[in-house]
C-alpha cells in the first residue's frame, strides 16, 4: 500500500475524529460555535457517530499492508465524500448554509479527490 494512501488514512482519521466528537458529544455547542442553527441534536449525533466510525475505519486501515485489505473502505470513502461535496454545495448555494459550511465542503473536495485517485490507481484484479 502506498505511503500517500497511508497518510490519507491518518489525516482522515484525525479530521473525522475532531468533527465526529463535536457532533456526537456536544451537537448544540458545536452548532452554535459554527453558527449552524437550528440544529437537530439527534441527526447531528447520528452523523457524528458515522464520522467516528469512518475515523475508526481509517485508523484500522492505516495499519493495513495491502490494497485488498482497504479496497472496500476506500470505495465507501469515495461515496461519502462525493455525496458530501454535492450535498454541502447544494446547501451553500440554495439553502443559505452558514459560512462555516465552506470548511467541510473544502475538506470533502480534498478527500474526494484523494480517495478517488487512490481508488482509480489501485491494482486491478486479473
Protein backbone atom coordinates (compact mmCIF):
# COMPACT_ATOMS: atom_id res chain seq x y z
CA UNK A 1 0.00 0.00 0.00
CA UNK A 2 1.35 3.43 -0.93
CA UNK A 3 2.66 5.95 1.58
CA UNK A 4 0.24 8.52 0.15
CA UNK A 5 -2.76 6.32 0.88
CA UNK A 6 -1.48 5.60 4.39
CA UNK A 7 -1.05 9.33 5.01
CA UNK A 8 -4.56 9.99 3.69
CA UNK A 9 -5.96 7.42 6.13
CA UNK A 10 -4.08 9.06 9.01
CA UNK A 11 -5.18 12.61 8.20
CA UNK A 12 -8.74 11.46 7.58
CA UNK A 13 -8.82 9.65 10.93
CA UNK A 14 -7.78 12.86 12.71
CA UNK A 15 -10.17 15.19 10.84
CA UNK A 16 -13.16 12.83 11.09
CA UNK A 17 -12.48 12.29 14.80
CA UNK A 18 -12.46 16.03 15.51
CA UNK A 19 -15.71 16.72 13.67
CA UNK A 20 -17.27 13.48 14.89
CA UNK A 21 -16.57 14.22 18.56
CA UNK A 22 -18.06 17.70 18.26
CA UNK A 23 -21.20 16.48 16.53
CA UNK A 24 -21.64 13.37 18.67
CA UNK A 25 -20.87 14.69 22.16
CA UNK A 26 -21.90 18.36 22.05
CA UNK A 27 -24.08 18.95 18.99
CA UNK A 28 -25.69 22.14 20.35
CA UNK A 29 -22.37 23.68 21.38
CA UNK A 30 -20.81 22.67 18.07
CA UNK A 31 -23.76 24.11 16.13
CA UNK A 32 -23.61 27.43 17.99
CA UNK A 33 -19.83 27.64 17.56
CA UNK A 34 -20.13 27.43 13.78
CA UNK A 35 -23.38 29.42 13.55
CA UNK A 36 -25.35 26.38 12.42
CA UNK A 37 -28.93 26.71 13.53
CA UNK A 38 -31.33 25.28 14.03
CA UNK A 39 -29.52 22.05 14.77
CA UNK A 40 -31.25 18.73 15.32
CA UNK A 41 -29.21 17.06 18.09
CA UNK A 42 -30.36 13.56 17.12
CA UNK A 43 -29.34 13.91 13.47
CA UNK A 44 -26.10 15.65 14.46
CA UNK A 45 -25.25 12.78 16.81
CA UNK A 46 -26.06 10.22 14.14
CA UNK A 47 -23.76 11.96 11.65
CA UNK A 48 -21.10 12.41 14.34
CA UNK A 49 -21.32 8.69 15.05
CA UNK A 50 -20.91 7.91 11.35
CA UNK A 51 -17.85 10.17 11.17
CA UNK A 52 -16.36 8.46 14.23
CA UNK A 53 -17.00 5.05 12.61
CA UNK A 54 -15.23 6.18 9.42
CA UNK A 55 -12.39 7.58 11.54
CA UNK A 56 -12.04 4.19 13.27
CA UNK A 57 -12.01 2.51 9.86
CA UNK A 58 -9.27 4.86 8.67
CA UNK A 59 -7.26 4.19 11.83
CA UNK A 60 -7.51 0.44 11.23
CA UNK A 61 -6.76 0.83 7.52
CA UNK A 62 -3.66 2.89 8.33
CA UNK A 63 -2.00 -0.26 9.65
CA UNK A 64 -3.08 -2.43 6.70
CA UNK A 65 -0.40 -3.68 4.35
CA UNK A 66 -2.25 -4.44 1.11
CA UNK A 67 -4.78 -2.81 -1.19
CA UNK A 68 -7.18 -5.74 -0.78
CA UNK A 69 -7.41 -5.01 2.95
CA UNK A 70 -8.64 -1.43 2.35
CA UNK A 71 -10.38 -1.59 -1.04
CA UNK A 72 -13.95 -1.60 0.28
CA UNK A 73 -13.29 1.20 2.77
CA UNK A 74 -11.74 3.41 0.09
CA UNK A 75 -14.80 2.82 -2.11
CA UNK A 76 -17.08 3.81 0.77
CA UNK A 77 -14.96 6.92 1.37
CA UNK A 78 -15.33 7.88 -2.30
CA UNK A 79 -19.12 7.61 -1.96
CA UNK A 80 -19.22 9.55 1.33
CA UNK A 81 -17.04 12.41 0.16
CA UNK A 82 -18.56 12.81 -3.29
CA UNK A 83 -22.04 12.89 -1.76
CA UNK A 84 -20.71 15.32 0.86
CA UNK A 85 -19.42 17.63 -1.89
CA UNK A 86 -22.78 17.59 -3.70
CA UNK A 87 -24.91 17.96 -0.57
CA UNK A 88 -22.83 20.68 1.03
CA UNK A 89 -22.53 22.66 -2.19
CA UNK A 90 -26.31 22.49 -2.63
CA UNK A 91 -26.78 23.76 0.94
CA UNK A 92 -24.31 26.58 0.39
CA UNK A 93 -25.80 27.74 -2.90
CA UNK A 94 -29.51 27.04 -2.44
CA UNK A 95 -30.27 26.94 1.27
CA UNK A 96 -28.13 29.68 2.79
CA UNK A 97 -25.86 27.43 4.85
CA UNK A 98 -23.59 29.33 7.26
CA UNK A 99 -20.17 30.45 6.04
CA UNK A 100 -18.55 27.68 8.12
CA UNK A 101 -20.05 25.15 5.69
CA UNK A 102 -17.22 26.06 3.29
CA UNK A 103 -14.84 24.26 5.70
CA UNK A 104 -16.45 20.82 5.40
CA UNK A 105 -17.09 21.49 1.71
CA UNK A 106 -13.36 22.07 1.10
CA UNK A 107 -12.44 19.04 3.20
CA UNK A 108 -14.91 16.90 1.24
CA UNK A 109 -13.42 18.11 -2.05
CA UNK A 110 -9.85 17.33 -0.96
CA UNK A 111 -10.74 13.91 0.39
CA UNK A 112 -12.96 13.09 -2.62
CA UNK A 113 -10.02 13.82 -4.92
CA UNK A 114 -7.61 11.77 -2.81
CA UNK A 115 -9.89 8.76 -2.29
CA UNK A 116 -10.89 8.73 -5.97
CA UNK A 117 -7.25 8.99 -7.05
CA UNK A 118 -6.19 6.06 -4.88
CA UNK A 119 -9.22 4.02 -5.95
CA UNK A 120 -8.52 4.59 -9.64
CA UNK A 121 -4.78 3.95 -9.19
CA UNK A 122 -5.35 0.68 -7.34
CA UNK A 123 -4.11 -2.58 -8.77
CA UNK A 124 -6.73 -4.28 -10.90
CA UNK A 125 -7.58 -7.94 -10.45
CA UNK A 126 -6.58 -10.21 -13.32
